[in-house]
Amino acid sequence: MKQDDIGRHRQPEASRRTLLAGMGAVALAASAGAAQGGWEPSTRIPDPAVKILDPAFRKYWVSSATVERLATGLRWAEGPVWMGDWRCLLFSDVTGDAIMRWDEITGRLTAYRKPANFSNGNTRDRSGRLVTCEHLTRRVVRTELDGTITVVADKFDGKPFNSPNDIVSRSDGSIWFTDPAFGPNPSERMARPELPHTVYRVAPDGRVSAMTTEIVGPNGLCFSPDESKLYVVEARTSPRKMRVFDVVDNGTKLANARVLFEAGDGTPDGMRCDADGNLWCGWGQGSDELDGVRVFTPEGKAIAHISLPERCANVCFGGINHDRLFMTSSHSVYSLMTNARGATLW
């Protein structure tokens, strides 16, 4: 066959690839456009999206800061974790089956891991390694510094976990995570539960302990700045509740369970504490009044609401000074500069 014949034979395939690429780009653009939902960044300063509910919030408010949308077109954004040494944010796109990376320097969004076993919550351990909850494999894994994956925990009492949801690390080297009985849920690859709703602790030596089974649908969790309290969202009650426990016996047990506040029509989800102990909670229920982030004092008093056009699933602090709030919200990721500082480095 002559060289020009080869070119003629290949041309239709090249044209087909070009056509398919073009169609894919149009579909992606349409998807991203739909996710925009008519939202535009505020041209007003102060940003009316930041609503001060109590004067106590003013010390954390940067009056010149506006809500920014960093990425959109995602399926279900969750589990943000700040990677300060990489100058980037990692987060899960749960039903997109990917862990995504947003670069602070370039502003680029790329896939860090795909497929990702329908990952959800992420944190870092005290050695700086990424630790992740996976729905599909029903386990918690650690990404080693060389990129290999180590299983931290995948069962309790001989049974597989249900669908590990959110996760935090403690200064003693332990890992704590929630494992609600939310399945079966094919969309998020949650299996039929075999264990009760539980908050677990993984000791530095790998031993797994059930810390509490009394929360119906444990979801987001975080420690107070001094790690003396553990906050857990109870997601399968109406209304949802924010539970708080005392952390006792050198960080190995929970005591004195109580309700910090009831959420009314809101849906608290993932959360972080700032250095002063305030809770910054992902919030929403599909309405302009509720979607966004709600900020509470350690006593449970609401002091601010950051309105977003989408329900917010989770938050974390990051940036050079650890004062930038990142908000994973349904199809998008948003940020806001604050005068608060995250209680942890991630």
C-alpha atoms as a PDB file:
ATOM      1  CA  MET A   1       0.000   0.000   0.000  1.00  0.00           C
ATOM      2  CA  LYS A   2       1.325   3.439  -0.909  1.00  0.00           C
ATOM      3  CA  GLN A   3       2.035   6.017   1.762  1.00  0.00           C
ATOM      4  CA  ASP A   4      -0.691   8.328   0.434  1.00  0.00           C
ATOM      5  CA  ASP A   5      -3.125   5.385   0.501  1.00  0.00           C
ATOM      6  CA  ILE A   6      -2.321   4.888   4.178  1.00  0.00           C
ATOM      7  CA  GLY A   7      -3.058   8.519   4.837  1.00  0.00           C
ATOM      8  CA  ARG A   8      -6.380   8.256   3.025  1.00  0.00           C
ATOM      9  CA  HIS A   9      -7.334   5.152   5.028  1.00  0.00           C
ATOM     10  CA  ARG A  10      -6.476   6.835   8.338  1.00  0.00           C
ATOM     11  CA  GLN A  11      -8.216  10.067   7.627  1.00  0.00           C
ATOM     12  CA  PRO A  12     -11.755   8.899   8.510  1.00  0.00           C
ATOM     13  CA  GLU A  13     -10.566   7.601  11.913  1.00  0.00           C
ATOM     14  CA  ALA A  14      -8.772  10.887  12.625  1.00  0.00           C
ATOM     15  CA  SER A  15     -11.894  12.786  11.661  1.00  0.00           C
ATOM     16  CA  ARG A  16     -13.948  10.530  13.906  1.00  0.00           C
ATOM     17  CA  ARG A  17     -11.622  11.192  16.835  1.00  0.00           C
ATOM     18  CA  THR A  18     -11.789  14.925  16.195  1.00  0.00           C
ATOM     19  CA  LEU A  19     -15.582  14.782  16.074  1.00  0.00           C
ATOM     20  CA  LEU A  20     -15.788  12.761  19.295  1.00  0.00           C
ATOM     21  CA  ALA A  21     -13.364  15.093  21.051  1.00  0.00           C
ATOM     22  CA  GLY A  22     -15.427  18.050  19.964  1.00  0.00           C
ATOM     23  CA  MET A  23     -18.615  16.411  21.173  1.00  0.00           C
ATOM     24  CA  GLY A  24     -16.948  15.643  24.511  1.00  0.00           C
ATOM     25  CA  ALA A  25     -15.831  19.228  24.907  1.00  0.00           C
ATOM     26  CA  VAL A  26     -19.331  20.490  24.161  1.00  0.00           C
ATOM     27  CA  ALA A  27     -20.815  18.035  26.679  1.00  0.00           C
ATOM     28  CA  LEU A  28     -18.275  19.058  29.327  1.00  0.00           C
ATOM     29  CA  ALA A  29     -18.961  22.718  28.708  1.00  0.00           C
ATOM     30  CA  ALA A  30     -22.699  22.104  28.929  1.00  0.00           C
ATOM     31  CA  SER A  31     -22.226  20.205  32.183  1.00  0.00           C
ATOM     32  CA  ALA A  32     -20.081  22.958  33.652  1.00  0.00           C
ATOM     33  CA  GLY A  33     -22.550  25.569  32.482  1.00  0.00           C
ATOM     34  CA  ALA A  34     -25.416  23.729  34.147  1.00  0.00           C
ATOM     35  CA  ALA A  35     -23.416  23.521  37.354  1.00  0.00           C
ATOM     36  CA  GLN A  36     -22.905  27.284  37.339  1.00  0.00           C
ATOM     37  CA  GLY A  37     -26.602  27.597  38.166  1.00  0.00           C
ATOM     38  CA  GLY A  38     -26.569  31.282  37.323  1.00  0.00           C
ATOM     39  CA  TRP A  39     -24.075  32.030  40.129  1.00  0.00           C
ATOM     40  CA  GLU A  40     -21.742  34.976  39.758  1.00  0.00           C
ATOM     41  CA  PRO A  41     -19.149  36.254  42.249  1.00  0.00           C
ATOM     42  CA  SER A  42     -20.248  39.314  44.144  1.00  0.00           C
ATOM     43  CA  THR A  43     -19.271  42.674  42.698  1.00  0.00           C
ATOM     44  CA  ARG A  44     -20.166  44.235  46.036  1.00  0.00           C
ATOM     45  CA  ILE A  45     -17.808  44.571  48.981  1.00  0.00           C
ATOM     46  CA  PRO A  46     -18.574  43.502  51.677  1.00  0.00           C
ATOM     47  CA  ASP A  47     -19.947  40.358  50.060  1.00  0.00           C
ATOM     48  CA  PRO A  48     -23.653  40.016  50.976  1.00  0.00           C
ATOM     49  CA  ALA A  49     -23.156  36.217  50.961  1.00  0.00           C
ATOM     50  CA  VAL A  50     -21.372  36.549  54.311  1.00  0.00           C
ATOM     51  CA  LYS A  51     -24.125  37.094  56.850  1.00  0.00           C
ATOM     52  CA  ILE A  52     -23.137  38.080  60.389  1.00  0.00           C
ATOM     53  CA  LEU A  53     -25.650  36.636  62.842  1.00  0.00           C
ATOM     54  CA  ASP A  54     -23.857  37.763  65.987  1.00  0.00           C
ATOM     55  CA  PRO A  55     -21.196  40.448  66.659  1.00  0.00           C
ATOM     56  CA  ALA A  56     -18.860  37.708  67.915  1.00  0.00           C
ATOM     57  CA  PHE A  57     -18.144  36.799  64.279  1.00  0.00           C
ATOM     58  CA  ARG A  58     -16.704  40.198  63.335  1.00  0.00           C
ATOM     59  CA  LYS A  59     -13.205  39.305  64.535  1.00  0.00           C
ATOM     60  CA  TYR A  60     -13.132  36.464  61.974  1.00  0.00           C
ATOM     61  CA  TRP A  61     -14.609  38.516  59.101  1.00  0.00           C
ATOM     62  CA  VAL A  62     -12.486  39.995  56.318  1.00  0.00           C
ATOM     63  CA  SER A  63     -14.785  42.740  55.061  1.00  0.00           C
ATOM     64  CA  SER A  64     -13.032  42.952  51.683  1.00  0.00           C
ATOM     65  CA  ALA A  65     -13.128  39.203  50.994  1.00  0.00           C
ATOM     66  CA  THR A  66     -15.659  37.666  48.616  1.00  0.00           C
ATOM     67  CA  VAL A  67     -16.698  34.082  47.988  1.00  0.00           C
ATOM     68  CA  GLU A  68     -14.757  32.574  45.071  1.00  0.00           C
ATOM     69  CA  ARG A  69     -15.673  29.565  42.981  1.00  0.00           C
ATOM     70  CA  LEU A  70     -12.523  27.540  42.340  1.00  0.00           C
ATOM     71  CA  ALA A  71     -13.964  24.609  40.393  1.00  0.00           C
ATOM     72  CA  THR A  72     -17.269  23.289  39.116  1.00  0.00           C
ATOM     73  CA  GLY A  73     -18.711  20.499  36.968  1.00  0.00           C
ATOM     74  CA  LEU A  74     -18.192  17.874  39.701  1.00  0.00           C
ATOM     75  CA  ARG A  75     -20.723  15.210  40.657  1.00  0.00           C
ATOM     76  CA  TRP A  76     -20.531  15.269  44.479  1.00  0.00           C
ATOM     77  CA  ALA A  77     -17.650  17.190  46.039  1.00  0.00           C
ATOM     78  CA  GLU A  78     -16.619  16.039  49.513  1.00  0.00           C
ATOM     79  CA  GLY A  79     -13.727  15.444  51.880  1.00  0.00           C
ATOM     80  CA  PRO A  80     -11.413  18.458  51.392  1.00  0.00           C
ATOM     81  CA  VAL A  81      -7.922  18.291  52.877  1.00  0.00           C
ATOM     82  CA  TRP A  82      -5.200  20.916  52.606  1.00  0.00           C
ATOM     83  CA  MET A  83      -1.757  19.756  51.424  1.00  0.00           C
ATOM     84  CA  GLY A  84       0.362  22.704  52.524  1.00  0.00           C
ATOM     85  CA  ASP A  85       3.661  21.256  51.327  1.00  0.00           C
ATOM     86  CA  TRP A  86       2.141  20.782  47.865  1.00  0.00           C
ATOM     87  CA  ARG A  87       0.288  24.134  47.882  1.00  0.00           C
ATOM     88  CA  CYS A  88      -2.895  22.358  46.831  1.00  0.00           C
ATOM     89  CA  LEU A  89      -6.311  21.142  47.960  1.00  0.00           C
ATOM     90  CA  LEU A  90      -7.261  17.498  47.568  1.00  0.00           C
ATOM     91  CA  PHE A  91     -10.927  16.503  47.732  1.00  0.00           C
ATOM     92  CA  SER A  92     -13.197  13.638  46.722  1.00  0.00           C
ATOM     93  CA  ASP A  93     -15.652  13.667  43.845  1.00  0.00           C
ATOM     94  CA  VAL A  94     -17.544  10.758  45.379  1.00  0.00           C
ATOM     95  CA  THR A  95     -19.867   9.667  42.566  1.00  0.00           C
ATOM     96  CA  GLY A  96     -17.313  10.821  40.001  1.00  0.00           C
ATOM     97  CA  ASP A  97     -15.027   8.149  41.546  1.00  0.00           C
ATOM     98  CA  ALA A  98     -12.020  10.441  41.787  1.00  0.00           C
ATOM     99  CA  ILE A  99      -9.822  12.345  44.195  1.00  0.00           C
ATOM    100  CA  MET A 100      -9.267  15.750  42.648  1.00  0.00           C
ATOM    101  CA  ARG A 101      -6.410  18.228  43.062  1.00  0.00           C
ATOM    102  CA  TRP A 102      -6.781  22.015  42.907  1.00  0.00           C
ATOM    103  CA  ASP A 103      -3.439  23.825  42.619  1.00  0.00           C
ATOM    104  CA  GLU A 104      -3.192  27.086  44.557  1.00  0.00           C
ATOM    105  CA  ILE A 105      -0.452  28.503  42.328  1.00  0.00           C
ATOM    106  CA  THR A 106      -1.887  27.744  38.893  1.00  0.00           C
ATOM    107  CA  GLY A 107      -5.577  27.394  39.735  1.00  0.00           C
ATOM    108  CA  ARG A 108      -5.674  24.175  37.687  1.00  0.00           C
ATOM    109  CA  LEU A 109      -7.988  21.282  38.562  1.00  0.00           C
ATOM    110  CA  THR A 110      -6.667  17.805  37.798  1.00  0.00           C
ATOM    111  CA  ALA A 111      -7.391  14.230  38.858  1.00  0.00           C
ATOM    112  CA  TYR A 112      -5.053  13.066  41.624  1.00  0.00           C
ATOM    113  CA  ARG A 113      -6.486   9.524  41.699  1.00  0.00           C
ATOM    114  CA  LYS A 114      -9.044   7.941  39.397  1.00  0.00           C
ATOM    115  CA  PRO A 115     -10.633   5.517  39.977  1.00  0.00           C
ATOM    116  CA  ALA A 116     -10.632   6.167  43.707  1.00  0.00           C
ATOM    117  CA  ASN A 117     -12.984   3.459  45.042  1.00  0.00           C
ATOM    118  CA  PHE A 118     -15.713   6.092  45.562  1.00  0.00           C
ATOM    119  CA  SER A 119     -13.687   7.859  48.231  1.00  0.00           C
ATOM    120  CA  ASN A 120     -15.340  10.250  50.679  1.00  0.00           C
ATOM    121  CA  GLY A 121     -13.578  11.770  53.708  1.00  0.00           C
ATOM    122  CA  ASN A 122      -9.865  12.628  53.668  1.00  0.00           C
ATOM    123  CA  THR A 123      -7.346  13.740  56.279  1.00  0.00           C
ATOM    124  CA  ARG A 124      -3.593  13.604  56.906  1.00  0.00           C
ATOM    125  CA  ASP A 125      -1.900  11.622  59.629  1.00  0.00           C
ATOM    126  CA  ARG A 126       0.805  13.107  61.848  1.00  0.00           C
ATOM    127  CA  SER A 127       3.436  12.107  59.298  1.00  0.00           C
ATOM    128  CA  GLY A 128       1.630  14.112  56.631  1.00  0.00           C
ATOM    129  CA  ARG A 129       0.326  11.107  54.713  1.00  0.00           C
ATOM    130  CA  LEU A 130      -3.104  11.184  53.074  1.00  0.00           C
ATOM    131  CA  VAL A 131      -5.699   8.973  54.801  1.00  0.00           C
ATOM    132  CA  THR A 132      -8.950   8.254  52.957  1.00  0.00           C
ATOM    133  CA  CYS A 133     -12.361   6.662  53.514  1.00  0.00           C
ATOM    134  CA  GLU A 134     -13.477   4.430  50.618  1.00  0.00           C
ATOM    135  CA  HIS A 135     -17.067   3.363  50.028  1.00  0.00           C
ATOM    136  CA  LEU A 136     -16.524   0.718  47.349  1.00  0.00           C
ATOM    137  CA  THR A 137     -13.895  -1.265  49.284  1.00  0.00           C
ATOM    138  CA  ARG A 138     -15.464  -0.485  52.697  1.00  0.00           C
ATOM    139  CA  ARG A 139     -12.096   0.465  54.141  1.00  0.00           C
ATOM    140  CA  VAL A 140      -9.754   3.233  55.293  1.00  0.00           C
ATOM    141  CA  VAL A 141      -6.463   3.538  53.414  1.00  0.00           C
ATOM    142  CA  ARG A 142      -3.244   5.526  53.698  1.00  0.00           C
ATOM    143  CA  THR A 143      -1.222   6.847  50.773  1.00  0.00           C
ATOM    144  CA  GLU A 144       2.453   6.368  51.579  1.00  0.00           C
ATOM    145  CA  LEU A 145       5.073   8.942  50.626  1.00  0.00           C
ATOM    146  CA  ASP A 146       6.082   6.807  47.644  1.00  0.00           C
ATOM    147  CA  GLY A 147       2.465   6.634  46.423  1.00  0.00           C
ATOM    148  CA  THR A 148       1.703   3.062  47.463  1.00  0.00           C
ATOM    149  CA  ILE A 149      -1.545   2.311  49.282  1.00  0.00           C
ATOM    150  CA  THR A 150      -1.696   0.740  52.738  1.00  0.00           C
ATOM    151  CA  VAL A 151      -4.933  -0.544  54.295  1.00  0.00           C
ATOM    152  CA  VAL A 152      -5.392   1.090  57.700  1.00  0.00           C
ATOM    153  CA  ALA A 153      -8.589  -0.799  58.602  1.00  0.00           C
ATOM    154  CA  ASP A 154     -11.245  -2.741  56.689  1.00  0.00           C
ATOM    155  CA  LYS A 155     -13.228  -4.725  59.265  1.00  0.00           C
ATOM    156  CA  PHE A 156     -14.384  -4.948  62.864  1.00  0.00           C
ATOM    157  CA  ASP A 157     -15.267  -8.127  64.716  1.00  0.00           C
ATOM    158  CA  GLY A 158     -14.655 -10.047  61.509  1.00  0.00           C
ATOM    159  CA  LYS A 159     -17.203  -8.050  59.491  1.00  0.00           C
ATOM    160  CA  PRO A 160     -16.479  -5.452  56.803  1.00  0.00           C
ATOM    161  CA  PHE A 161     -17.245  -1.829  57.570  1.00  0.00           C
ATOM    162  CA  ASN A 162     -20.423  -0.342  56.097  1.00  0.00           C
ATOM    163  CA  SER A 163     -19.197   2.746  54.214  1.00  0.00           C
ATOM    164  CA  PRO A 164     -16.517   4.782  56.033  1.00  0.00           C
ATOM    165  CA  ASN A 165     -17.601   8.400  55.730  1.00  0.00           C
ATOM    166  CA  ASP A 166     -15.553  11.123  57.412  1.00  0.00           C
ATOM    167  CA  ILE A 167     -12.176  10.962  59.103  1.00  0.00           C
ATOM    168  CA  VAL A 168      -9.802  12.899  61.378  1.00  0.00           C
ATOM    169  CA  SER A 169      -6.415  12.298  62.963  1.00  0.00           C
ATOM    170  CA  ARG A 170      -5.304  13.011  66.518  1.00  0.00           C
ATOM    171  CA  SER A 171      -1.937  14.113  67.882  1.00  0.00           C
ATOM    172  CA  ASP A 172      -1.399  10.723  69.579  1.00  0.00           C
ATOM    173  CA  GLY A 173      -1.227   9.123  66.120  1.00  0.00           C
ATOM    174  CA  SER A 174      -4.720   7.618  66.222  1.00  0.00           C
ATOM    175  CA  ILE A 175      -7.220   7.832  63.341  1.00  0.00           C
ATOM    176  CA  TRP A 176     -10.931   8.359  64.019  1.00  0.00           C
ATOM    177  CA  PHE A 177     -13.697   7.836  61.463  1.00  0.00           C
ATOM    178  CA  THR A 178     -17.457   7.527  61.179  1.00  0.00           C
ATOM    179  CA  ASP A 179     -19.080   4.445  59.653  1.00  0.00           C
ATOM    180  CA  PRO A 180     -22.829   5.036  59.261  1.00  0.00           C
ATOM    181  CA  ALA A 181     -25.256   2.384  58.080  1.00  0.00           C
ATOM    182  CA  PHE A 182     -26.389   4.470  55.082  1.00  0.00           C
ATOM    183  CA  GLY A 183     -26.473   1.703  52.444  1.00  0.00           C
ATOM    184  CA  PRO A 184     -27.328   0.155  50.223  1.00  0.00           C
ATOM    185  CA  ASN A 185     -26.749   3.136  47.934  1.00  0.00           C
ATOM    186  CA  PRO A 186     -25.600   2.123  44.425  1.00  0.00           C
ATOM    187  CA  SER A 187     -24.874   5.720  43.420  1.00  0.00           C
ATOM    188  CA  GLU A 188     -22.159   6.056  46.075  1.00  0.00           C
ATOM    189  CA  ARG A 189     -21.303   2.326  46.092  1.00  0.00           C
ATOM    190  CA  MET A 190     -22.467   1.835  49.659  1.00  0.00           C
ATOM    191  CA  ALA A 191     -23.080  -1.822  50.485  1.00  0.00           C
ATOM    192  CA  ARG A 192     -25.802  -3.244  52.665  1.00  0.00           C
ATOM    193  CA  PRO A 193     -24.673  -2.611  56.266  1.00  0.00           C
ATOM    194  CA  GLU A 194     -23.364  -5.470  58.370  1.00  0.00           C
ATOM    195  CA  LEU A 195     -22.435  -3.396  61.423  1.00  0.00           C
ATOM    196  CA  PRO A 196     -24.279  -0.783  63.493  1.00  0.00           C
ATOM    197  CA  HIS A 197     -23.752   2.980  63.135  1.00  0.00           C
ATOM    198  CA  THR A 198     -20.330   3.469  64.745  1.00  0.00           C
ATOM    199  CA  VAL A 199     -17.501   5.896  65.390  1.00  0.00           C
ATOM    200  CA  TYR A 200     -14.188   4.019  65.323  1.00  0.00           C
ATOM    201  CA  ARG A 201     -10.672   4.704  66.577  1.00  0.00           C
ATOM    202  CA  VAL A 202      -7.613   3.105  65.004  1.00  0.00           C
ATOM    203  CA  ALA A 203      -4.713   3.118  67.469  1.00  0.00           C
ATOM    204  CA  PRO A 204      -1.145   3.745  66.268  1.00  0.00           C
ATOM    205  CA  ASP A 205      -0.525  -0.018  66.522  1.00  0.00           C
ATOM    206  CA  GLY A 206      -3.489  -0.727  64.212  1.00  0.00           C
ATOM    207  CA  ARG A 207      -6.013  -1.932  66.795  1.00  0.00           C
ATOM    208  CA  VAL A 208      -9.580  -0.874  65.923  1.00  0.00           C
ATOM    209  CA  SER A 209     -11.997   0.090  68.706  1.00  0.00           C
ATOM    210  CA  ALA A 210     -15.674   1.059  68.553  1.00  0.00           C
ATOM    211  CA  MET A 211     -15.903   4.366  70.422  1.00  0.00           C
ATOM    212  CA  THR A 212     -19.695   4.790  70.284  1.00  0.00           C
ATOM    213  CA  THR A 213     -22.675   3.139  68.647  1.00  0.00           C
ATOM    214  CA  GLU A 214     -25.298   5.478  70.091  1.00  0.00           C
ATOM    215  CA  ILE A 215     -25.304   8.012  67.240  1.00  0.00           C
ATOM    216  CA  VAL A 216     -27.889   7.345  64.535  1.00  0.00           C
ATOM    217  CA  GLY A 217     -26.056   8.034  61.293  1.00  0.00           C
ATOM    218  CA  PRO A 218     -22.681   9.456  62.433  1.00  0.00           C
ATOM    219  CA  ASN A 219     -21.412  11.738  59.683  1.00  0.00           C
ATOM    220  CA  GLY A 220     -18.967  14.657  59.953  1.00  0.00           C
ATOM    221  CA  LEU A 221     -16.602  14.761  62.919  1.00  0.00           C
ATOM    222  CA  CYS A 222     -13.781  16.892  64.305  1.00  0.00           C
ATOM    223  CA  PHE A 223     -11.859  17.519  67.499  1.00  0.00           C
ATOM    224  CA  SER A 224     -11.769  20.724  69.504  1.00  0.00           C
ATOM    225  CA  PRO A 225      -8.418  22.551  69.277  1.00  0.00           C
ATOM    226  CA  ASP A 226      -7.131  20.951  72.508  1.00  0.00           C
ATOM    227  CA  GLU A 227      -8.584  17.562  71.474  1.00  0.00           C
ATOM    228  CA  SER A 228     -10.530  17.306  74.717  1.00  0.00           C
ATOM    229  CA  LYS A 229     -13.861  17.157  72.851  1.00  0.00           C
ATOM    230  CA  LEU A 230     -15.102  15.268  69.815  1.00  0.00           C
ATOM    231  CA  TYR A 231     -17.955  16.703  67.747  1.00  0.00           C
ATOM    232  CA  VAL A 232     -20.055  14.347  65.601  1.00  0.00           C
ATOM    233  CA  VAL A 233     -23.031  15.120  63.349  1.00  0.00           C
ATOM    234  CA  GLU A 234     -26.012  12.825  63.897  1.00  0.00           C
ATOM    235  CA  ALA A 235     -27.519  12.600  60.414  1.00  0.00           C
ATOM    236  CA  ARG A 236     -30.377  10.124  60.753  1.00  0.00           C
ATOM    237  CA  THR A 237     -32.544  12.037  63.201  1.00  0.00           C
ATOM    238  CA  SER A 238     -35.032  14.776  62.480  1.00  0.00           C
ATOM    239  CA  PRO A 239     -33.810  17.370  63.021  1.00  0.00           C
ATOM    240  CA  ARG A 240     -30.130  16.582  62.661  1.00  0.00           C
ATOM    241  CA  LYS A 241     -28.073  17.103  65.807  1.00  0.00           C
ATOM    242  CA  MET A 242     -24.566  18.120  66.674  1.00  0.00           C
ATOM    243  CA  ARG A 243     -23.326  15.733  69.360  1.00  0.00           C
ATOM    244  CA  VAL A 244     -20.303  16.397  71.557  1.00  0.00           C
ATOM    245  CA  PHE A 245     -18.306  14.001  73.738  1.00  0.00           C
ATOM    246  CA  ASP A 246     -15.498  14.424  76.223  1.00  0.00           C
ATOM    247  CA  VAL A 247     -12.343  12.587  75.155  1.00  0.00           C
ATOM    248  CA  VAL A 248     -10.954  10.786  78.210  1.00  0.00           C
ATOM    249  CA  ASP A 249      -8.455   8.135  79.337  1.00  0.00           C
ATOM    250  CA  ASN A 250      -5.546   9.623  77.399  1.00  0.00           C
ATOM    251  CA  GLY A 251      -7.603   9.911  74.227  1.00  0.00           C
ATOM    252  CA  THR A 252      -8.815   6.318  74.138  1.00  0.00           C
ATOM    253  CA  LYS A 253     -12.454   6.670  75.243  1.00  0.00           C
ATOM    254  CA  LEU A 254     -15.501   8.950  74.964  1.00  0.00           C
ATOM    255  CA  ALA A 255     -17.701  10.113  77.847  1.00  0.00           C
ATOM    256  CA  ASN A 256     -20.493  12.526  78.732  1.00  0.00           C
ATOM    257  CA  ALA A 257     -22.394  12.441  75.426  1.00  0.00           C
ATOM    258  CA  ARG A 258     -24.674  15.429  74.898  1.00  0.00           C
ATOM    259  CA  VAL A 259     -26.401  17.479  72.214  1.00  0.00           C
ATOM    260  CA  LEU A 260     -24.667  20.781  71.451  1.00  0.00           C
ATOM    261  CA  PHE A 261     -27.482  21.987  69.179  1.00  0.00           C
ATOM    262  CA  GLU A 262     -30.314  20.815  66.947  1.00  0.00           C
ATOM    263  CA  ALA A 263     -30.144  21.930  63.324  1.00  0.00           C
ATOM    264  CA  GLY A 264     -33.801  22.705  62.655  1.00  0.00           C
ATOM    265  CA  ASP A 265     -34.335  22.687  58.884  1.00  0.00           C
ATOM    266  CA  GLY A 266     -30.581  22.668  58.225  1.00  0.00           C
ATOM    267  CA  THR A 267     -28.391  19.690  57.438  1.00  0.00           C
ATOM    268  CA  PRO A 268     -24.969  19.909  59.093  1.00  0.00           C
ATOM    269  CA  ASP A 269     -22.470  17.613  57.406  1.00  0.00           C
ATOM    270  CA  GLY A 270     -18.675  17.846  57.430  1.00  0.00           C
ATOM    271  CA  MET A 271     -16.990  20.476  59.633  1.00  0.00           C
ATOM    272  CA  ARG A 272     -13.764  21.901  61.045  1.00  0.00           C
ATOM    273  CA  CYS A 273     -12.840  23.826  64.189  1.00  0.00           C
ATOM    274  CA  ASP A 274     -10.864  27.030  64.057  1.00  0.00           C
ATOM    275  CA  ALA A 275      -8.148  27.785  66.597  1.00  0.00           C
ATOM    276  CA  ASP A 276     -10.691  29.456  68.907  1.00  0.00           C
ATOM    277  CA  GLY A 277     -12.921  26.386  68.929  1.00  0.00           C
ATOM    278  CA  ASN A 278     -15.682  27.680  66.632  1.00  0.00           C
ATOM    279  CA  LEU A 279     -17.340  25.088  64.407  1.00  0.00           C
ATOM    280  CA  TRP A 280     -17.531  25.831  60.666  1.00  0.00           C
ATOM    281  CA  CYS A 281     -20.184  23.418  59.362  1.00  0.00           C
ATOM    282  CA  GLY A 282     -21.184  22.438  55.860  1.00  0.00           C
ATOM    283  CA  TRP A 283     -24.894  23.257  55.700  1.00  0.00           C
ATOM    284  CA  GLY A 284     -27.941  23.248  53.467  1.00  0.00           C
ATOM    285  CA  GLN A 285     -31.112  21.636  52.298  1.00  0.00           C
ATOM    286  CA  GLY A 286     -31.511  22.859  48.747  1.00  0.00           C
ATOM    287  CA  SER A 287     -32.688  26.408  49.478  1.00  0.00           C
ATOM    288  CA  ASP A 288     -31.161  29.876  49.246  1.00  0.00           C
ATOM    289  CA  GLU A 289     -31.662  30.413  52.961  1.00  0.00           C
ATOM    290  CA  LEU A 290     -29.929  27.221  54.085  1.00  0.00           C
ATOM    291  CA  ASP A 291     -27.265  26.288  51.524  1.00  0.00           C
ATOM    292  CA  GLY A 292     -23.742  27.232  52.544  1.00  0.00           C
ATOM    293  CA  VAL A 293     -21.681  27.166  55.750  1.00  0.00           C
ATOM    294  CA  ARG A 294     -22.982  27.897  59.251  1.00  0.00           C
ATOM    295  CA  VAL A 295     -20.545  28.985  61.983  1.00  0.00           C
ATOM    296  CA  PHE A 296     -21.139  28.170  65.667  1.00  0.00           C
ATOM    297  CA  THR A 297     -19.364  29.064  68.893  1.00  0.00           C
ATOM    298  CA  PRO A 298     -18.098  26.236  71.131  1.00  0.00           C
ATOM    299  CA  GLU A 299     -21.304  26.767  73.139  1.00  0.00           C
ATOM    300  CA  GLY A 300     -23.443  26.049  70.054  1.00  0.00           C
ATOM    301  CA  LYS A 301     -24.545  29.601  69.204  1.00  0.00           C
ATOM    302  CA  ALA A 302     -24.839  30.429  65.490  1.00  0.00           C
ATOM    303  CA  ILE A 303     -22.769  33.536  64.700  1.00  0.00           C
ATOM    304  CA  ALA A 304     -22.525  33.566  60.882  1.00  0.00           C
ATOM    305  CA  HIS A 305     -23.792  32.047  57.670  1.00  0.00           C
ATOM    306  CA  ILE A 306     -21.926  31.973  54.347  1.00  0.00           C
ATOM    307  CA  SER A 307     -24.494  31.617  51.585  1.00  0.00           C
ATOM    308  CA  LEU A 308     -23.658  29.416  48.612  1.00  0.00           C
ATOM    309  CA  PRO A 309     -25.760  28.439  45.590  1.00  0.00           C
ATOM    310  CA  GLU A 310     -25.298  24.755  46.461  1.00  0.00           C
ATOM    311  CA  ARG A 311     -25.498  22.621  49.571  1.00  0.00           C
ATOM    312  CA  CYS A 312     -22.098  22.425  51.246  1.00  0.00           C
ATOM    313  CA  ALA A 313     -20.951  18.947  52.261  1.00  0.00           C
ATOM    314  CA  ASN A 314     -17.637  19.685  53.945  1.00  0.00           C
ATOM    315  CA  VAL A 315     -14.986  22.304  54.691  1.00  0.00           C
ATOM    316  CA  CYS A 316     -11.355  22.737  55.683  1.00  0.00           C
ATOM    317  CA  PHE A 317      -8.900  25.559  56.298  1.00  0.00           C
ATOM    318  CA  GLY A 318      -5.791  26.023  54.181  1.00  0.00           C
ATOM    319  CA  GLY A 319      -3.573  28.480  52.384  1.00  0.00           C
ATOM    320  CA  ILE A 320      -0.210  29.900  53.417  1.00  0.00           C
ATOM    321  CA  ASN A 321      -1.563  31.358  56.672  1.00  0.00           C
ATOM    322  CA  HIS A 322      -4.195  28.664  57.145  1.00  0.00           C
ATOM    323  CA  ASP A 323      -6.924  31.306  57.038  1.00  0.00           C
ATOM    324  CA  ARG A 324      -8.613  30.384  53.766  1.00  0.00           C
ATOM    325  CA  LEU A 325     -11.841  28.419  54.119  1.00  0.00           C
ATOM    326  CA  PHE A 326     -12.392  25.795  51.401  1.00  0.00           C
ATOM    327  CA  MET A 327     -15.958  24.551  50.885  1.00  0.00           C
ATOM    328  CA  THR A 328     -16.822  21.425  48.869  1.00  0.00           C
ATOM    329  CA  SER A 329     -20.393  22.007  47.780  1.00  0.00           C
ATOM    330  CA  SER A 330     -22.291  19.514  45.638  1.00  0.00           C
ATOM    331  CA  HIS A 331     -20.956  20.255  42.118  1.00  0.00           C
ATOM    332  CA  SER A 332     -18.397  22.931  43.012  1.00  0.00           C
ATOM    333  CA  VAL A 333     -15.609  24.057  45.309  1.00  0.00           C
ATOM    334  CA  TYR A 334     -15.627  27.552  46.846  1.00  0.00           C
ATOM    335  CA  SER A 335     -13.271  29.516  49.079  1.00  0.00           C
ATOM    336  CA  LEU A 336     -13.338  32.556  51.349  1.00  0.00           C
ATOM    337  CA  MET A 337     -10.505  34.404  53.070  1.00  0.00           C
ATOM    338  CA  THR A 338     -11.106  34.809  56.805  1.00  0.00           C
ATOM    339  CA  ASN A 339      -9.435  36.098  59.952  1.00  0.00           C
ATOM    340  CA  ALA A 340      -9.828  32.677  61.529  1.00  0.00           C
ATOM    341  CA  ARG A 341      -7.097  30.028  61.660  1.00  0.00           C
ATOM    342  CA  GLY A 342      -7.743  26.342  61.341  1.00  0.00           C
ATOM    343  CA  ALA A 343      -7.216  24.332  64.498  1.00  0.00           C
ATOM    344  CA  THR A 344      -5.156  21.800  62.506  1.00  0.00           C
ATOM    345  CA  LEU A 345      -2.850  22.179  59.517  1.00  0.00           C
ATOM    346  CA  TRP A 346      -5.334  20.373  57.294  1.00  0.00           C
END
